[in-house]
C-alpha atoms as a PDB file:
ATOM      1  CA  MET A   1     110.516 112.841 119.554  1.00  0.00           C
ATOM      2  CA  PHE A   2     114.154 114.002 119.654  1.00  0.00           C
ATOM      3  CA  ILE A   3     115.446 110.539 120.593  1.00  0.00           C
ATOM      4  CA  TYR A   4     113.228 108.966 117.928  1.00  0.00           C
ATOM      5  CA  THR A   5     114.646 111.347 115.310  1.00  0.00           C
ATOM      6  CA  ILE A   6     118.246 110.647 116.325  1.00  0.00           C
ATOM      7  CA  ARG A   7     117.718 106.895 116.102  1.00  0.00           C
ATOM      8  CA  ARG A   8     116.104 107.163 112.684  1.00  0.00           C
ATOM      9  CA  LEU A   9     118.974 109.335 111.464  1.00  0.00           C
ATOM     10  CA  ASN A  10     121.498 106.786 112.774  1.00  0.00           C
ATOM     11  CA  LEU A  11     119.705 104.078 110.833  1.00  0.00           C
ATOM     12  CA  PHE A  12     119.759 106.333 107.771  1.00  0.00           C
ATOM     13  CA  ILE A  13     123.522 106.890 108.057  1.00  0.00           C
ATOM     14  CA  ILE A  14     124.232 103.163 108.436  1.00  0.00           C
ATOM     15  CA  THR A  15     122.043 102.315 105.441  1.00  0.00           C
ATOM     16  CA  LEU A  16     123.666 105.067 103.403  1.00  0.00           C
ATOM     17  CA  ALA A  17     127.128 103.729 104.244  1.00  0.00           C
ATOM     18  CA  ILE A  18     126.125 100.269 103.004  1.00  0.00           C
ATOM     19  CA  LEU A  19     124.715 101.905  99.877  1.00  0.00           C
ATOM     20  CA  THR A  20     128.032 103.607  99.129  1.00  0.00           C
ATOM     21  CA  MET A  21     129.785 100.244  99.433  1.00  0.00           C
ATOM     22  CA  ILE A  22     127.394  98.864  96.810  1.00  0.00           C
ATOM     23  CA  GLY A  23     128.088 101.829  94.530  1.00  0.00           C
ATOM     24  CA  PHE A  24     131.824 101.423  94.953  1.00  0.00           C
ATOM     25  CA  SER A  25     131.553  97.695  94.222  1.00  0.00           C
ATOM     26  CA  ILE A  26     129.737  98.516  90.966  1.00  0.00           C
ATOM     27  CA  LEU A  27     132.634 100.729  89.893  1.00  0.00           C
ATOM     28  CA  ARG A  28     135.091  97.905  90.617  1.00  0.00           C
ATOM     29  CA  LEU A  29     133.259  95.644  88.151  1.00  0.00           C
ATOM     30  CA  ASP A  30     134.986  97.535  85.346  1.00  0.00           C
ATOM     31  CA  GLN A  31     138.394  95.905  85.113  1.00  0.00           C
ATOM     32  CA  THR A  32     139.792  98.877  83.181  1.00  0.00           C
ATOM     33  CA  SER A  33     138.797 101.299  85.939  1.00  0.00           C
ATOM     34  CA  LEU A  34     141.349 102.707  88.386  1.00  0.00           C
ATOM     35  CA  TRP A  35     139.015 101.775  91.230  1.00  0.00           C
ATOM     36  CA  SER A  36     139.453  98.051  90.549  1.00  0.00           C
ATOM     37  CA  ASN A  37     143.178  98.252  91.256  1.00  0.00           C
ATOM     38  CA  GLN A  38     142.816  99.834  94.688  1.00  0.00           C
ATOM     39  CA  PRO A  39     142.317  98.083  98.027  1.00  0.00           C
ATOM     40  CA  PHE A  40     138.633  98.028  98.905  1.00  0.00           C
ATOM     41  CA  TRP A  41     138.563 100.012 102.139  1.00  0.00           C
ATOM     42  CA  SER A  42     141.037 102.719 101.199  1.00  0.00           C
ATOM     43  CA  GLY A  43     139.388 103.066  97.794  1.00  0.00           C
ATOM     44  CA  TRP A  44     135.971 103.207  99.411  1.00  0.00           C
ATOM     45  CA  LEU A  45     137.042 106.080 101.669  1.00  0.00           C
ATOM     46  CA  ILE A  46     138.272 108.033  98.637  1.00  0.00           C
ATOM     47  CA  TYR A  47     135.009 107.215  96.869  1.00  0.00           C
ATOM     48  CA  VAL A  48     132.959 108.551  99.807  1.00  0.00           C
ATOM     49  CA  GLU A  49     135.040 111.736  99.844  1.00  0.00           C
ATOM     50  CA  ASN A  50     134.250 112.229  96.151  1.00  0.00           C
ATOM     51  CA  LEU A  51     130.539 111.714  96.803  1.00  0.00           C
ATOM     52  CA  LEU A  52     130.572 114.263  99.607  1.00  0.00           C
ATOM     53  CA  ALA A  53     132.230 116.711  97.211  1.00  0.00           C
ATOM     54  CA  GLY A  54     129.475 116.101  94.641  1.00  0.00           C
ATOM     55  CA  ASN A  55     131.699 114.125  92.291  1.00  0.00           C
ATOM     56  CA  LEU A  56     129.809 111.157  90.843  1.00  0.00           C
ATOM     57  CA  GLY A  57     132.475 110.436  88.243  1.00  0.00           C
ATOM     58  CA  LEU A  58     133.036 111.175  84.580  1.00  0.00           C
ATOM     59  CA  ASP A  59     131.355 109.716  81.530  1.00  0.00           C
ATOM     60  CA  HIS A  60     133.241 108.125  78.633  1.00  0.00           C
ATOM     61  CA  ASP A  61     133.468 111.520  76.905  1.00  0.00           C
ATOM     62  CA  GLY A  62     134.803 113.210  80.037  1.00  0.00           C
ATOM     63  CA  SER A  63     131.583 115.023  80.941  1.00  0.00           C
ATOM     64  CA  PRO A  64     130.515 115.013  84.616  1.00  0.00           C
ATOM     65  CA  ILE A  65     127.908 112.387  85.433  1.00  0.00           C
ATOM     66  CA  LEU A  66     126.404 114.774  87.987  1.00  0.00           C
ATOM     67  CA  GLN A  67     125.205 117.081  85.207  1.00  0.00           C
ATOM     68  CA  GLN A  68     123.421 114.200  83.510  1.00  0.00           C
ATOM     69  CA  VAL A  69     121.780 113.172  86.778  1.00  0.00           C
ATOM     70  CA  LEU A  70     120.601 116.735  87.420  1.00  0.00           C
ATOM     71  CA  THR A  71     119.064 116.727  83.951  1.00  0.00           C
ATOM     72  CA  VAL A  72     117.187 113.415  84.067  1.00  0.00           C
ATOM     73  CA  PHE A  73     116.298 113.046  87.759  1.00  0.00           C
ATOM     74  CA  PRO A  74     113.879 116.023  87.919  1.00  0.00           C
ATOM     75  CA  ALA A  75     111.903 114.488  85.059  1.00  0.00           C
ATOM     76  CA  THR A  76     111.396 111.319  87.117  1.00  0.00           C
ATOM     77  CA  LEU A  77     110.502 113.314  90.221  1.00  0.00           C
ATOM     78  CA  GLU A  78     107.931 115.339  88.313  1.00  0.00           C
ATOM     79  CA  LEU A  79     106.279 112.194  86.997  1.00  0.00           C
ATOM     80  CA  CYS A  80     106.322 110.504  90.410  1.00  0.00           C
ATOM     81  CA  PHE A  81     104.952 113.548  92.246  1.00  0.00           C
ATOM     82  CA  PHE A  82     101.952 113.837  89.946  1.00  0.00           C
ATOM     83  CA  ALA A  83     101.315 110.086  90.018  1.00  0.00           C
ATOM     84  CA  PHE A  84     101.599 109.977  93.802  1.00  0.00           C
ATOM     85  CA  GLY A  85      99.307 112.973  94.188  1.00  0.00           C
ATOM     86  CA  LEU A  86      96.748 111.343  91.914  1.00  0.00           C
ATOM     87  CA  SER A  87      96.913 108.110  93.913  1.00  0.00           C
ATOM     88  CA  LEU A  88      96.201 110.046  97.133  1.00  0.00           C
ATOM     89  CA  ILE A  89      93.345 112.040  95.596  1.00  0.00           C
ATOM     90  CA  ILE A  90      91.658 108.865  94.362  1.00  0.00           C
ATOM     91  CA  GLY A  91      92.800 106.297  96.924  1.00  0.00           C
ATOM     92  CA  ILE A  92      92.032 108.054 100.223  1.00  0.00           C
ATOM     93  CA  PRO A  93      88.355 108.884  99.481  1.00  0.00           C
ATOM     94  CA  LEU A  94      87.673 105.450  97.990  1.00  0.00           C
ATOM     95  CA  GLY A  95      89.469 103.703 100.848  1.00  0.00           C
ATOM     96  CA  THR A  96      87.537 105.754 103.382  1.00  0.00           C
ATOM     97  CA  LEU A  97      84.240 104.938 101.691  1.00  0.00           C
ATOM     98  CA  ALA A  98      85.093 101.236 101.601  1.00  0.00           C
ATOM     99  CA  GLY A  99      86.098 101.255 105.259  1.00  0.00           C
ATOM    100  CA  VAL A 100      82.959 103.051 106.389  1.00  0.00           C
ATOM    101  CA  ARG A 101      80.764 100.729 104.306  1.00  0.00           C
ATOM    102  CA  GLN A 102      82.657  97.556 105.209  1.00  0.00           C
ATOM    103  CA  GLY A 103      80.928  94.380 104.064  1.00  0.00           C
ATOM    104  CA  ARG A 104      78.425  96.247 101.911  1.00  0.00           C
ATOM    105  CA  PRO A 105      78.201  96.248  98.092  1.00  0.00           C
ATOM    106  CA  VAL A 106      80.142  99.528  97.850  1.00  0.00           C
ATOM    107  CA  ASP A 107      83.026  97.995  99.799  1.00  0.00           C
ATOM    108  CA  THR A 108      82.964  94.877  97.626  1.00  0.00           C
ATOM    109  CA  ILE A 109      83.029  96.892  94.395  1.00  0.00           C
ATOM    110  CA  ILE A 110      85.868  99.181  95.513  1.00  0.00           C
ATOM    111  CA  SER A 111      87.959  96.302  96.906  1.00  0.00           C
ATOM    112  CA  SER A 112      87.423  94.263  93.746  1.00  0.00           C
ATOM    113  CA  LEU A 113      88.431  97.164  91.501  1.00  0.00           C
ATOM    114  CA  ALA A 114      91.527  97.742  93.639  1.00  0.00           C
ATOM    115  CA  LEU A 115      92.486  94.077  93.363  1.00  0.00           C
ATOM    116  CA  VAL A 116      92.026  94.125  89.599  1.00  0.00           C
ATOM    117  CA  GLY A 117      94.049  97.343  89.303  1.00  0.00           C
ATOM    118  CA  TYR A 118      96.862  95.876  91.381  1.00  0.00           C
ATOM    119  CA  SER A 119      96.911  92.709  89.243  1.00  0.00           C
ATOM    120  CA  ILE A 120      97.080  94.473  85.869  1.00  0.00           C
ATOM    121  CA  PRO A 121     100.616  94.369  84.404  1.00  0.00           C
ATOM    122  CA  LEU A 122     102.028  97.846  84.049  1.00  0.00           C
ATOM    123  CA  PHE A 123     103.224  97.461  80.470  1.00  0.00           C
ATOM    124  CA  TRP A 124      99.880  95.955  79.394  1.00  0.00           C
ATOM    125  CA  LEU A 125      97.929  98.866  80.869  1.00  0.00           C
ATOM    126  CA  ALA A 126     100.277 101.346  79.195  1.00  0.00           C
ATOM    127  CA  MET A 127      99.804  99.696  75.808  1.00  0.00           C
ATOM    128  CA  LEU A 128      96.021  99.732  76.185  1.00  0.00           C
ATOM    129  CA  LEU A 129      95.964 103.431  77.069  1.00  0.00           C
ATOM    130  CA  ILE A 130      98.293 104.288  74.180  1.00  0.00           C
ATOM    131  CA  LEU A 131      96.148 102.258  71.781  1.00  0.00           C
ATOM    132  CA  LEU A 132      92.926 103.921  72.968  1.00  0.00           C
ATOM    133  CA  PHE A 133      93.806 107.552  73.670  1.00  0.00           C
ATOM    134  CA  SER A 134      96.744 108.043  71.305  1.00  0.00           C
ATOM    135  CA  LEU A 135      96.321 105.813  68.282  1.00  0.00           C
ATOM    136  CA  ASN A 136      92.526 105.457  68.053  1.00  0.00           C
ATOM    137  CA  LEU A 137      91.161 108.689  69.520  1.00  0.00           C
ATOM    138  CA  GLY A 138      94.235 110.858  68.940  1.00  0.00           C
ATOM    139  CA  TRP A 139      93.626 112.835  72.124  1.00  0.00           C
ATOM    140  CA  LEU A 140      97.025 112.405  73.768  1.00  0.00           C
ATOM    141  CA  PRO A 141     100.608 112.056  72.489  1.00  0.00           C
ATOM    142  CA  VAL A 142     102.250 108.648  72.402  1.00  0.00           C
ATOM    143  CA  ALA A 143     105.571 109.434  74.032  1.00  0.00           C
ATOM    144  CA  GLY A 144     108.002 112.126  75.081  1.00  0.00           C
ATOM    145  CA  ARG A 145     107.883 114.948  77.576  1.00  0.00           C
ATOM    146  CA  HIS A 146     106.842 117.735  75.222  1.00  0.00           C
ATOM    147  CA  SER A 147     106.546 118.407  71.520  1.00  0.00           C
ATOM    148  CA  LEU A 148     109.654 119.310  69.539  1.00  0.00           C
ATOM    149  CA  LEU A 149     107.806 122.413  68.319  1.00  0.00           C
ATOM    150  CA  TYR A 150     108.404 124.089  71.676  1.00  0.00           C
ATOM    151  CA  GLU A 151     111.810 124.995  73.028  1.00  0.00           C
ATOM    152  CA  ILE A 152     111.767 124.737  76.821  1.00  0.00           C
ATOM    153  CA  GLN A 153     114.875 125.956  78.582  1.00  0.00           C
ATOM    154  CA  HIS A 154     116.157 123.699  81.352  1.00  0.00           C
ATOM    155  CA  VAL A 155     116.034 125.756  84.559  1.00  0.00           C
ATOM    156  CA  THR A 156     114.697 123.572  87.360  1.00  0.00           C
ATOM    157  CA  GLY A 157     114.287 120.353  85.372  1.00  0.00           C
ATOM    158  CA  PHE A 158     110.552 120.279  86.086  1.00  0.00           C
ATOM    159  CA  ALA A 159     108.907 120.887  82.727  1.00  0.00           C
ATOM    160  CA  ILE A 160     105.791 122.600  84.065  1.00  0.00           C
ATOM    161  CA  VAL A 161     107.833 124.957  86.259  1.00  0.00           C
ATOM    162  CA  ASP A 162     110.270 125.689  83.422  1.00  0.00           C
ATOM    163  CA  VAL A 163     107.384 126.553  81.094  1.00  0.00           C
ATOM    164  CA  LEU A 164     105.884 128.901  83.679  1.00  0.00           C
ATOM    165  CA  LEU A 165     109.272 130.571  84.135  1.00  0.00           C
ATOM    166  CA  SER A 166     109.713 130.934  80.395  1.00  0.00           C
ATOM    167  CA  GLU A 167     109.058 134.244  78.642  1.00  0.00           C
ATOM    168  CA  LYS A 168     108.378 132.675  75.264  1.00  0.00           C
ATOM    169  CA  PRO A 169     105.271 133.923  73.417  1.00  0.00           C
ATOM    170  CA  TYR A 170     103.979 130.340  73.130  1.00  0.00           C
ATOM    171  CA  ARG A 171     104.172 129.679  76.883  1.00  0.00           C
ATOM    172  CA  GLY A 172     100.448 128.864  77.189  1.00  0.00           C
ATOM    173  CA  GLU A 173     100.490 126.401  74.309  1.00  0.00           C
ATOM    174  CA  ALA A 174     103.684 124.799  75.649  1.00  0.00           C
ATOM    175  CA  LEU A 175     102.112 124.351  79.091  1.00  0.00           C
ATOM    176  CA  ILE A 176      99.104 122.569  77.608  1.00  0.00           C
ATOM    177  CA  ASP A 177     101.423 120.396  75.524  1.00  0.00           C
ATOM    178  CA  VAL A 178     103.489 119.410  78.590  1.00  0.00           C
ATOM    179  CA  ILE A 179     100.335 118.523  80.532  1.00  0.00           C
ATOM    180  CA  ARG A 180      99.027 116.414  77.630  1.00  0.00           C
ATOM    181  CA  HIS A 181     102.305 114.480  77.525  1.00  0.00           C
ATOM    182  CA  LEU A 182     102.122 113.980  81.290  1.00  0.00           C
ATOM    183  CA  ILE A 183      98.625 112.474  81.456  1.00  0.00           C
ATOM    184  CA  LEU A 184      99.186 108.931  80.165  1.00  0.00           C
ATOM    185  CA  PRO A 185     102.411 108.087  82.059  1.00  0.00           C
ATOM    186  CA  THR A 186     100.896 109.580  85.210  1.00  0.00           C
ATOM    187  CA  LEU A 187      97.797 107.389  84.920  1.00  0.00           C
ATOM    188  CA  VAL A 188      99.892 104.271  84.345  1.00  0.00           C
ATOM    189  CA  LEU A 189     102.345 104.977  87.150  1.00  0.00           C
ATOM    190  CA  ALA A 190      99.558 105.870  89.607  1.00  0.00           C
ATOM    191  CA  MET A 191      97.657 102.601  89.173  1.00  0.00           C
ATOM    192  CA  ALA A 192      99.584 100.374  91.605  1.00  0.00           C
ATOM    193  CA  PRO A 193     100.034 102.994  94.364  1.00  0.00           C
ATOM    194  CA  THR A 194      96.349 103.924  94.148  1.00  0.00           C
ATOM    195  CA  THR A 195      95.278 100.369  94.879  1.00  0.00           C
ATOM    196  CA  GLU A 196      97.663 100.217  97.847  1.00  0.00           C
ATOM    197  CA  VAL A 197      96.404 103.549  99.190  1.00  0.00           C
ATOM    198  CA  ILE A 198      92.845 102.212  98.958  1.00  0.00           C
ATOM    199  CA  ARG A 199      93.836  99.069 100.837  1.00  0.00           C
ATOM    200  CA  LEU A 200      95.756 100.899 103.570  1.00  0.00           C
ATOM    201  CA  THR A 201      93.059 103.527 104.053  1.00  0.00           C
ATOM    202  CA  ARG A 202      90.296 100.937 104.151  1.00  0.00           C
ATOM    203  CA  ALA A 203      92.097  98.890 106.793  1.00  0.00           C
ATOM    204  CA  SER A 204      92.797 101.962 108.939  1.00  0.00           C
ATOM    205  CA  VAL A 205      89.244 103.315 108.631  1.00  0.00           C
ATOM    206  CA  THR A 206      87.805  99.898 109.438  1.00  0.00           C
ATOM    207  CA  GLU A 207      89.812  99.787 112.652  1.00  0.00           C
ATOM    208  CA  VAL A 208      88.766 103.317 113.624  1.00  0.00           C
ATOM    209  CA  MET A 209      85.096 102.550 112.994  1.00  0.00           C
ATOM    210  CA  THR A 210      85.204  99.884 115.733  1.00  0.00           C
ATOM    211  CA  GLN A 211      86.366 102.327 118.419  1.00  0.00           C
ATOM    212  CA  ASN A 212      84.097 103.399 121.247  1.00  0.00           C
ATOM    213  CA  TYR A 213      84.211 107.114 120.408  1.00  0.00           C
ATOM    214  CA  ILE A 214      82.672 106.319 117.003  1.00  0.00           C
ATOM    215  CA  LYS A 215      79.810 104.507 118.744  1.00  0.00           C
ATOM    216  CA  VAL A 216      79.365 107.490 121.069  1.00  0.00           C
ATOM    217  CA  ALA A 217      79.236 109.802 118.054  1.00  0.00           C
ATOM    218  CA  HIS A 218      76.485 107.638 116.545  1.00  0.00           C
ATOM    219  CA  THR A 219      74.479 107.810 119.761  1.00  0.00           C
ATOM    220  CA  LYS A 220      74.777 111.618 119.723  1.00  0.00           C
ATOM    221  CA  GLY A 221      72.983 111.645 116.405  1.00  0.00           C
ATOM    222  CA  LEU A 222      75.909 112.655 114.185  1.00  0.00           C
ATOM    223  CA  SER A 223      75.570 111.746 110.533  1.00  0.00           C
ATOM    224  CA  THR A 224      78.044 109.449 108.810  1.00  0.00           C
ATOM    225  CA  PHE A 225      79.558 112.392 106.951  1.00  0.00           C
ATOM    226  CA  GLU A 226      80.061 114.340 110.191  1.00  0.00           C
ATOM    227  CA  ILE A 227      81.665 111.318 111.850  1.00  0.00           C
ATOM    228  CA  ILE A 228      84.074 110.934 108.930  1.00  0.00           C
ATOM    229  CA  ILE A 229      85.052 114.603 109.003  1.00  0.00           C
ATOM    230  CA  ARG A 230      85.336 114.993 112.789  1.00  0.00           C
ATOM    231  CA  HIS A 231      86.653 111.619 113.927  1.00  0.00           C
ATOM    232  CA  VAL A 232      87.535 109.114 111.193  1.00  0.00           C
ATOM    233  CA  ARG A 233      89.711 111.360 109.048  1.00  0.00           C
ATOM    234  CA  LYS A 234      92.004 112.638 111.789  1.00  0.00           C
ATOM    235  CA  ASN A 235      92.402 109.206 113.407  1.00  0.00           C
ATOM    236  CA  ALA A 236      92.701 106.989 110.318  1.00  0.00           C
ATOM    237  CA  ILE A 237      95.114 108.979 108.160  1.00  0.00           C
ATOM    238  CA  PRO A 238      98.131 109.509 110.535  1.00  0.00           C
ATOM    239  CA  PRO A 239      98.875 105.767 111.046  1.00  0.00           C
ATOM    240  CA  ILE A 240      99.229 105.167 107.297  1.00  0.00           C
ATOM    241  CA  ILE A 241     101.576 108.115 106.573  1.00  0.00           C
ATOM    242  CA  PRO A 242     104.808 106.074 107.026  1.00  0.00           C
ATOM    243  CA  LYS A 243     103.364 103.373 104.763  1.00  0.00           C
ATOM    244  CA  LEU A 244     102.525 105.987 102.142  1.00  0.00           C
ATOM    245  CA  GLY A 245     106.209 106.923 102.106  1.00  0.00           C
ATOM    246  CA  MET A 246     107.026 103.331 101.229  1.00  0.00           C
ATOM    247  CA  GLN A 247     104.528 103.493  98.366  1.00  0.00           C
ATOM    248  CA  PHE A 248     106.362 106.505  96.961  1.00  0.00           C
ATOM    249  CA  SER A 249     109.567 104.477  97.124  1.00  0.00           C
ATOM    250  CA  THR A 250     107.936 101.620  95.227  1.00  0.00           C
ATOM    251  CA  MET A 251     106.754 104.091  92.622  1.00  0.00           C
ATOM    252  CA  MET A 252     110.350 105.024  91.833  1.00  0.00           C
ATOM    253  CA  THR A 253     111.002 101.456  90.712  1.00  0.00           C
ATOM    254  CA  PHE A 254     107.847 101.346  88.586  1.00  0.00           C
ATOM    255  CA  ALA A 255     108.969 104.612  86.986  1.00  0.00           C
ATOM    256  CA  MET A 256     111.807 102.813  85.175  1.00  0.00           C
ATOM    257  CA  LEU A 257     109.378 100.683  83.178  1.00  0.00           C
ATOM    258  CA  THR A 258     106.978 103.579  82.620  1.00  0.00           C
ATOM    259  CA  GLU A 259     109.743 105.795  81.285  1.00  0.00           C
ATOM    260  CA  SER A 260     110.862 103.084  78.875  1.00  0.00           C
ATOM    261  CA  ILE A 261     107.355 102.649  77.466  1.00  0.00           C
ATOM    262  CA  PHE A 262     106.598 106.353  77.056  1.00  0.00           C
ATOM    263  CA  ASN A 263     110.148 107.386  76.114  1.00  0.00           C
ATOM    264  CA  TRP A 264     110.174 109.661  79.158  1.00  0.00           C
ATOM    265  CA  PRO A 265     113.642 111.244  79.591  1.00  0.00           C
ATOM    266  CA  GLY A 266     113.997 110.355  83.268  1.00  0.00           C
ATOM    267  CA  ILE A 267     116.606 108.611  85.345  1.00  0.00           C
ATOM    268  CA  GLY A 268     114.909 105.232  84.895  1.00  0.00           C
ATOM    269  CA  ARG A 269     115.363 105.182  81.133  1.00  0.00           C
ATOM    270  CA  TRP A 270     118.807 106.727  81.575  1.00  0.00           C
ATOM    271  CA  LEU A 271     119.787 103.886  83.909  1.00  0.00           C
ATOM    272  CA  LEU A 272     118.523 101.240  81.489  1.00  0.00           C
ATOM    273  CA  ASP A 273     120.605 102.813  78.717  1.00  0.00           C
ATOM    274  CA  ALA A 274     123.626 102.812  81.033  1.00  0.00           C
ATOM    275  CA  ILE A 275     123.107  99.120  81.824  1.00  0.00           C
ATOM    276  CA  SER A 276     122.864  98.222  78.138  1.00  0.00           C
ATOM    277  CA  ASP A 277     126.071 100.204  77.462  1.00  0.00           C
ATOM    278  CA  GLN A 278     127.804  98.708  80.548  1.00  0.00           C
ATOM    279  CA  ASN A 279     128.526 102.224  81.750  1.00  0.00           C
ATOM    280  CA  TYR A 280     129.408 101.384  85.346  1.00  0.00           C
ATOM    281  CA  VAL A 281     130.049 104.989  86.336  1.00  0.00           C
ATOM    282  CA  ALA A 282     126.543 105.995  85.285  1.00  0.00           C
ATOM    283  CA  ILE A 283     125.036 102.888  86.888  1.00  0.00           C
ATOM    284  CA  GLN A 284     126.555 103.596  90.299  1.00  0.00           C
ATOM    285  CA  ALA A 285     125.549 107.266  90.058  1.00  0.00           C
ATOM    286  CA  GLY A 286     121.959 106.322  89.265  1.00  0.00           C
ATOM    287  CA  VAL A 287     121.824 103.729  92.031  1.00  0.00           C
ATOM    288  CA  ILE A 288     123.254 106.159  94.593  1.00  0.00           C
ATOM    289  CA  THR A 289     120.875 108.947  93.542  1.00  0.00           C
ATOM    290  CA  VAL A 290     117.674 106.911  93.460  1.00  0.00           C
ATOM    291  CA  ALA A 291     118.416 104.914  96.606  1.00  0.00           C
ATOM    292  CA  SER A 292     119.431 108.034  98.548  1.00  0.00           C
ATOM    293  CA  PHE A 293     116.224 109.782  97.573  1.00  0.00           C
ATOM    294  CA  ILE A 294     114.172 106.747  98.601  1.00  0.00           C
ATOM    295  CA  LEU A 295     115.931 106.666 101.977  1.00  0.00           C
ATOM    296  CA  ILE A 296     115.283 110.367 102.522  1.00  0.00           C
ATOM    297  CA  ALA A 297     111.620 109.991 101.545  1.00  0.00           C
ATOM    298  CA  ASN A 298     111.189 107.106 103.994  1.00  0.00           C
ATOM    299  CA  ILE A 299     112.902 109.041 106.789  1.00  0.00           C
ATOM    300  CA  PHE A 300     110.673 112.082 106.275  1.00  0.00           C
ATOM    301  CA  SER A 301     107.516 109.966 106.103  1.00  0.00           C
ATOM    302  CA  ASP A 302     108.510 108.161 109.322  1.00  0.00           C
ATOM    303  CA  LEU A 303     109.229 111.436 111.099  1.00  0.00           C
ATOM    304  CA  ALA A 304     106.007 113.006 109.838  1.00  0.00           C
ATOM    305  CA  GLY A 305     104.018 109.968 110.943  1.00  0.00           C
ATOM    306  CA  ALA A 306     105.678 109.995 114.361  1.00  0.00           C
ATOM    307  CA  ALA A 307     105.064 113.720 114.787  1.00  0.00           C
ATOM    308  CA  ILE A 308     101.361 113.340 114.005  1.00  0.00           C
ATOM    309  CA  ASN A 309     100.818 109.976 115.662  1.00  0.00           C
ATOM    310  CA  PRO A 310     102.673 109.501 119.008  1.00  0.00           C
ATOM    311  CA  LEU A 311     101.701 105.811 119.060  1.00  0.00           C
ATOM    312  CA  VAL A 312     104.256 105.211 116.320  1.00  0.00           C
ATOM    313  CA  ARG A 313     107.053 106.344 118.622  1.00  0.00           C
ATOM    314  CA  LYS A 314     105.770 104.162 121.474  1.00  0.00           C
ATOM    315  CA  GLU A 315     105.605 101.101 119.216  1.00  0.00           C
ATOM    316  CA  TRP A 316     109.121 101.786 117.928  1.00  0.00           C
ATOM    317  CA  TYR A 317     110.486 102.076 121.476  1.00  0.00           C
ATOM    318  CA  ALA A 318     108.730  98.851 122.446  1.00  0.00           C
ATOM    319  CA  ILE A 319     110.395  97.011 119.556  1.00  0.00           C
ATOM    320  CA  ARG A 320     113.811  98.392 120.524  1.00  0.00           C
END
């Protein structure tokens, strides 16, 4: 496990170095920038030193870009965490049921719904939900992170946590308002990952159900529910953990479109505004932040999967 971890960390460092070169190249696109007049390699080394010191550059008004990133990035993380959690809560049970009932009507229905959900355009689904739950029924707000009636102090950047830490007399009402604003973008963002979780879980459960120990469990008289709890769950879930980390990475890209539709003040919408304004300093800061987080999430999911499932390490060594 130690050697596996070291090799994964080496791959992470190499990828991160390439990522910093991309960020530095973005800065050099601005012909008025001081970075464009420096030799590439010497300028890149200075750029890396600034990143290690936490300096992501200055905005046009002289304010640190890092402060803006620390303001908008938690909003994206909060949305992604809830969407990813929802996809696991829905996807794993449905995928398990489809895998256990492979080839039966239940499997066909679940697989068909997953295929339809994966094929639905994200913006189209968002518009339908807004039209139904916001405009027609009036149950949920159209956009934003919370109502302007409530003043929520920025402490951690996670709205729910900041409301709970607040001592305002309207804390309960503010918490409900934040949750109501979170529902629609969470549902939209969770759609694609949920279908992938269903597919991955179904494939893993289907493979486990063909193993000899499952047949032995049937001969012992164990019920299907007991077999799922005792054998299927602990053998089918570990192999898909690294792939679930990749789904979280994909969700970060979908978050940009979701934030634009729901006017969610996250790093995705912030990046789109920076692109439209040709703010290269903000663009490179957003790219570095998002890509670094995705790399870290993939590393942790790989390490967690390898720690739980030793076969992952053996396969990785065989490839190398």
